[in-house]
C-alpha atoms as a PDB file:
ATOM      1  CA  UNK A   1       0.000   0.000   0.000  1.00  0.00           C
ATOM      2  CA  UNK A   2       1.007   3.580  -0.557  1.00  0.00           C
ATOM      3  CA  UNK A   3       1.333   6.158   2.163  1.00  0.00           C
ATOM      4  CA  UNK A   4      -0.550   9.449   1.857  1.00  0.00           C
ATOM      5  CA  UNK A   5       2.383  11.356   0.325  1.00  0.00           C
ATOM      6  CA  UNK A   6       2.929   8.726  -2.352  1.00  0.00           C
ATOM      7  CA  UNK A   7      -0.778   8.630  -3.167  1.00  0.00           C
ATOM      8  CA  UNK A   8      -0.862  12.414  -3.549  1.00  0.00           C
ATOM      9  CA  UNK A   9       2.232  12.374  -5.778  1.00  0.00           C
ATOM     10  CA  UNK A  10       0.644   9.754  -8.056  1.00  0.00           C
ATOM     11  CA  UNK A  11      -2.557  11.771  -8.179  1.00  0.00           C
ATOM     12  CA  UNK A  12      -0.652  14.953  -9.058  1.00  0.00           C
ATOM     13  CA  UNK A  13       1.313  13.144 -11.773  1.00  0.00           C
ATOM     14  CA  UNK A  14      -1.904  11.873 -13.356  1.00  0.00           C
ATOM     15  CA  UNK A  15      -3.399  15.353 -13.246  1.00  0.00           C
ATOM     16  CA  UNK A  16      -0.293  16.796 -14.909  1.00  0.00           C
ATOM     17  CA  UNK A  17      -0.497  14.212 -17.699  1.00  0.00           C
ATOM     18  CA  UNK A  18      -4.151  15.090 -18.279  1.00  0.00           C
ATOM     19  CA  UNK A  19      -3.570  18.850 -18.214  1.00  0.00           C
ATOM     20  CA  UNK A  20      -0.120  19.232 -19.760  1.00  0.00           C
ATOM     21  CA  UNK A  21       0.357  16.093 -21.841  1.00  0.00           C
ATOM     22  CA  UNK A  22       3.919  15.735 -23.050  1.00  0.00           C
ATOM     23  CA  UNK A  23       4.977  18.878 -21.173  1.00  0.00           C
ATOM     24  CA  UNK A  24       4.097  17.412 -17.757  1.00  0.00           C
ATOM     25  CA  UNK A  25       7.737  16.570 -16.865  1.00  0.00           C
ATOM     26  CA  UNK A  26       8.852  20.075 -17.836  1.00  0.00           C
ATOM     27  CA  UNK A  27       6.182  21.623 -15.620  1.00  0.00           C
ATOM     28  CA  UNK A  28       7.149  19.386 -12.691  1.00  0.00           C
ATOM     29  CA  UNK A  29      10.845  20.219 -13.149  1.00  0.00           C
ATOM     30  CA  UNK A  30      10.083  23.936 -13.141  1.00  0.00           C
ATOM     31  CA  UNK A  31       8.089  23.543  -9.918  1.00  0.00           C
ATOM     32  CA  UNK A  32      10.964  21.594  -8.305  1.00  0.00           C
ATOM     33  CA  UNK A  33      13.442  24.290  -9.335  1.00  0.00           C
ATOM     34  CA  UNK A  34      11.219  27.015  -7.908  1.00  0.00           C
ATOM     35  CA  UNK A  35      10.986  25.101  -4.621  1.00  0.00           C
ATOM     36  CA  UNK A  36      14.797  24.911  -4.474  1.00  0.00           C
ATOM     37  CA  UNK A  37      15.069  28.659  -5.073  1.00  0.00           C
ATOM     38  CA  UNK A  38      12.667  29.211  -2.176  1.00  0.00           C
ATOM     39  CA  UNK A  39      14.633  26.728  -0.052  1.00  0.00           C
ATOM     40  CA  UNK A  40      11.521  24.586   0.406  1.00  0.00           C
ATOM     41  CA  UNK A  41      13.244  21.229   0.202  1.00  0.00           C
ATOM     42  CA  UNK A  42      10.237  19.167   1.276  1.00  0.00           C
ATOM     43  CA  UNK A  43       8.219  20.557  -1.632  1.00  0.00           C
ATOM     44  CA  UNK A  44      11.191  20.021  -3.934  1.00  0.00           C
ATOM     45  CA  UNK A  45      11.357  16.370  -2.875  1.00  0.00           C
ATOM     46  CA  UNK A  46       7.659  15.988  -3.667  1.00  0.00           C
ATOM     47  CA  UNK A  47       8.090  17.439  -7.159  1.00  0.00           C
ATOM     48  CA  UNK A  48      11.142  15.260  -7.773  1.00  0.00           C
ATOM     49  CA  UNK A  49       9.052  12.209  -6.816  1.00  0.00           C
ATOM     50  CA  UNK A  50       6.362  13.365  -9.244  1.00  0.00           C
ATOM     51  CA  UNK A  51       9.056  13.581 -11.933  1.00  0.00           C
ATOM     52  CA  UNK A  52      10.083   9.986 -11.171  1.00  0.00           C
ATOM     53  CA  UNK A  53       6.478   8.847 -11.437  1.00  0.00           C
ATOM     54  CA  UNK A  54       6.101  10.656 -14.755  1.00  0.00           C
ATOM     55  CA  UNK A  55       9.284   9.014 -16.024  1.00  0.00           C
ATOM     56  CA  UNK A  56       7.945   5.556 -15.101  1.00  0.00           C
ATOM     57  CA  UNK A  57       4.451   6.209 -16.422  1.00  0.00           C
ATOM     58  CA  UNK A  58       3.413   4.689 -19.754  1.00  0.00           C
ATOM     59  CA  UNK A  59       0.594   7.289 -19.869  1.00  0.00           C
ATOM     60  CA  UNK A  60       3.137  10.113 -19.946  1.00  0.00           C
ATOM     61  CA  UNK A  61       5.024   8.419 -22.765  1.00  0.00           C
ATOM     62  CA  UNK A  62       1.835   7.912 -24.787  1.00  0.00           C
ATOM     63  CA  UNK A  63       0.772  11.527 -24.140  1.00  0.00           C
ATOM     64  CA  UNK A  64       4.046  12.587 -25.749  1.00  0.00           C
ATOM     65  CA  UNK A  65       3.234  10.647 -28.866  1.00  0.00           C
ATOM     66  CA  UNK A  66      -0.109  12.455 -29.263  1.00  0.00           C
ATOM     67  CA  UNK A  67       1.536  15.802 -29.985  1.00  0.00           C
END
């Protein structure tokens, strides 16, 4: 089973795929970078996990082929 943080990261990754398609990883990377600039390392870790989920996701890869 997933803990609450993991479940939220998966949910956010799915939302990004639906909203941004192939640009979802770029959006997540920009959010992680902004969190680093603001020295919010917990939020940065969350966005980095979302990036990992997007990288593993076949839905993100198929969204890239749509465009």
